């Protein structure tokens, strides 16, 4: 796997975004993410909040401030798979949205 980046989460694990996942899923499904690699990286390193997924128990949902110029898309949401078979985690998807919402469970981390 060719890593686009790997950063440490405040939850204590290393999170990798592969070039393949970025190109074949994130940019295809969410073309407005083009050029937002640093924003996604920052959301993992410095999230506003992290929730457990309300749909997939092995995933966490990260939220951070968006660098998107569109006023309604103020939040960057990043889905991270934590059950990868090793101590690391991987980014599944990322997109911009208006608020912290959508298939989230309990709070795992909140920035004070």
Protein backbone atom coordinates (compact mmCIF):
# COMPACT_ATOMS: atom_id res chain seq x y z
CA UNK A 1 0.00 0.00 0.00
CA UNK A 2 1.41 3.34 -1.06
CA UNK A 3 0.67 5.79 1.78
CA UNK A 4 -0.41 9.33 0.98
CA UNK A 5 0.19 10.13 4.66
CA UNK A 6 0.31 8.51 8.10
CA UNK A 7 -0.37 10.53 11.25
CA UNK A 8 -1.04 9.86 14.92
CA UNK A 9 -4.57 10.18 16.26
CA UNK A 10 -5.21 11.60 19.74
CA UNK A 11 -6.75 8.18 20.44
CA UNK A 12 -3.23 6.73 20.27
CA UNK A 13 -3.07 4.91 16.97
CA UNK A 14 -1.44 5.66 13.65
CA UNK A 15 -3.89 6.43 10.83
CA UNK A 16 -2.90 5.95 7.20
CA UNK A 17 -4.57 7.30 4.09
CA UNK A 18 -3.47 5.30 1.07
CA UNK A 19 -3.01 6.94 -2.30
CA UNK A 20 -5.31 4.26 -3.72
CA UNK A 21 -8.15 5.06 -1.27
CA UNK A 22 -7.76 8.78 -1.90
CA UNK A 23 -7.84 8.43 -5.68
CA UNK A 24 -10.27 5.52 -6.13
CA UNK A 25 -12.85 6.33 -3.48
CA UNK A 26 -12.58 9.74 -1.84
CA UNK A 27 -12.02 11.81 -5.00
CA UNK A 28 -14.47 9.72 -7.05
CA UNK A 29 -17.27 9.90 -4.45
CA UNK A 30 -16.47 13.40 -3.16
CA UNK A 31 -14.75 15.42 -5.92
CA UNK A 32 -14.85 18.60 -3.81
CA UNK A 33 -12.12 16.99 -1.66
CA UNK A 34 -9.53 17.59 -4.37
CA UNK A 35 -6.62 19.44 -2.80
CA UNK A 36 -7.87 18.78 0.76
CA UNK A 37 -5.26 16.21 1.79
CA UNK A 38 -3.77 18.52 4.43
CA UNK A 39 -7.22 19.29 5.84
CA UNK A 40 -7.96 15.57 6.24
CA UNK A 41 -4.57 15.01 7.83
CA UNK A 42 -5.25 17.86 10.27
CA UNK A 43 -8.67 16.43 11.19
CA UNK A 44 -6.98 13.18 12.26
CA UNK A 45 -4.19 14.91 14.20
CA UNK A 46 -6.32 17.72 15.71
CA UNK A 47 -10.00 16.75 15.61
CA UNK A 48 -12.72 18.85 17.16
CA UNK A 49 -14.44 15.58 18.11
CA UNK A 50 -14.26 11.84 17.50
CA UNK A 51 -17.30 9.58 17.77
CA UNK A 52 -17.79 5.88 17.45
CA UNK A 53 -19.64 4.99 14.26
CA UNK A 54 -23.35 4.43 14.69
CA UNK A 55 -23.26 1.93 11.84
CA UNK A 56 -19.91 0.09 11.99
CA UNK A 57 -18.48 -0.85 15.43
CA UNK A 58 -14.94 -1.04 14.02
CA UNK A 59 -14.96 2.56 12.76
CA UNK A 60 -14.44 5.97 14.28
CA UNK A 61 -15.82 9.21 12.88
CA UNK A 62 -13.56 12.27 13.08
CA UNK A 63 -14.76 15.84 12.72
CA UNK A 64 -12.72 18.97 12.18
CA UNK A 65 -13.01 22.45 10.76
CA UNK A 66 -13.28 22.58 6.99
CA UNK A 67 -10.98 24.47 4.67
CA UNK A 68 -13.74 24.43 2.05
CA UNK A 69 -14.65 27.81 0.58
CA UNK A 70 -18.34 26.89 0.38
CA UNK A 71 -19.96 28.53 3.43
CA UNK A 72 -22.41 25.66 4.06
CA UNK A 73 -19.69 22.98 4.21
CA UNK A 74 -18.03 23.98 7.47
CA UNK A 75 -17.05 20.55 8.80
CA UNK A 76 -14.68 17.92 7.45
CA UNK A 77 -15.84 14.38 8.33
CA UNK A 78 -13.36 11.50 8.14
CA UNK A 79 -14.23 7.82 8.57
CA UNK A 80 -11.45 5.65 10.03
CA UNK A 81 -11.39 1.84 10.14
CA UNK A 82 -9.72 0.74 13.38
CA UNK A 83 -10.04 -3.04 13.00
CA UNK A 84 -7.30 -3.53 10.41
CA UNK A 85 -5.59 -6.56 11.94
CA UNK A 86 -2.66 -4.58 13.31
CA UNK A 87 -2.12 -1.58 15.57
CA UNK A 88 -2.70 0.93 12.79
CA UNK A 89 -5.92 2.31 11.33
CA UNK A 90 -6.89 3.45 7.84
CA UNK A 91 -9.03 6.17 6.33
CA UNK A 92 -12.10 4.83 4.56
CA UNK A 93 -13.66 8.08 3.38
CA UNK A 94 -13.73 11.85 3.88
CA UNK A 95 -16.05 14.66 2.86
CA UNK A 96 -17.24 18.16 3.76
CA UNK A 97 -20.64 18.74 5.34
CA UNK A 98 -22.57 21.48 7.17
CA UNK A 99 -22.35 20.17 10.75
CA UNK A 100 -21.26 17.38 13.10
CA UNK A 101 -23.88 14.75 12.31
CA UNK A 102 -24.70 11.51 10.57
CA UNK A 103 -24.54 7.93 11.90
CA UNK A 104 -22.50 8.73 14.99
CA UNK A 105 -22.53 6.97 18.34
CA UNK A 106 -20.87 7.93 21.59
CA UNK A 107 -18.17 10.56 21.98
CA UNK A 108 -14.64 9.09 22.14
CA UNK A 109 -12.77 12.41 22.14
CA UNK A 110 -13.70 16.08 22.37
CA UNK A 111 -11.32 19.02 22.14
CA UNK A 112 -11.52 21.18 25.21
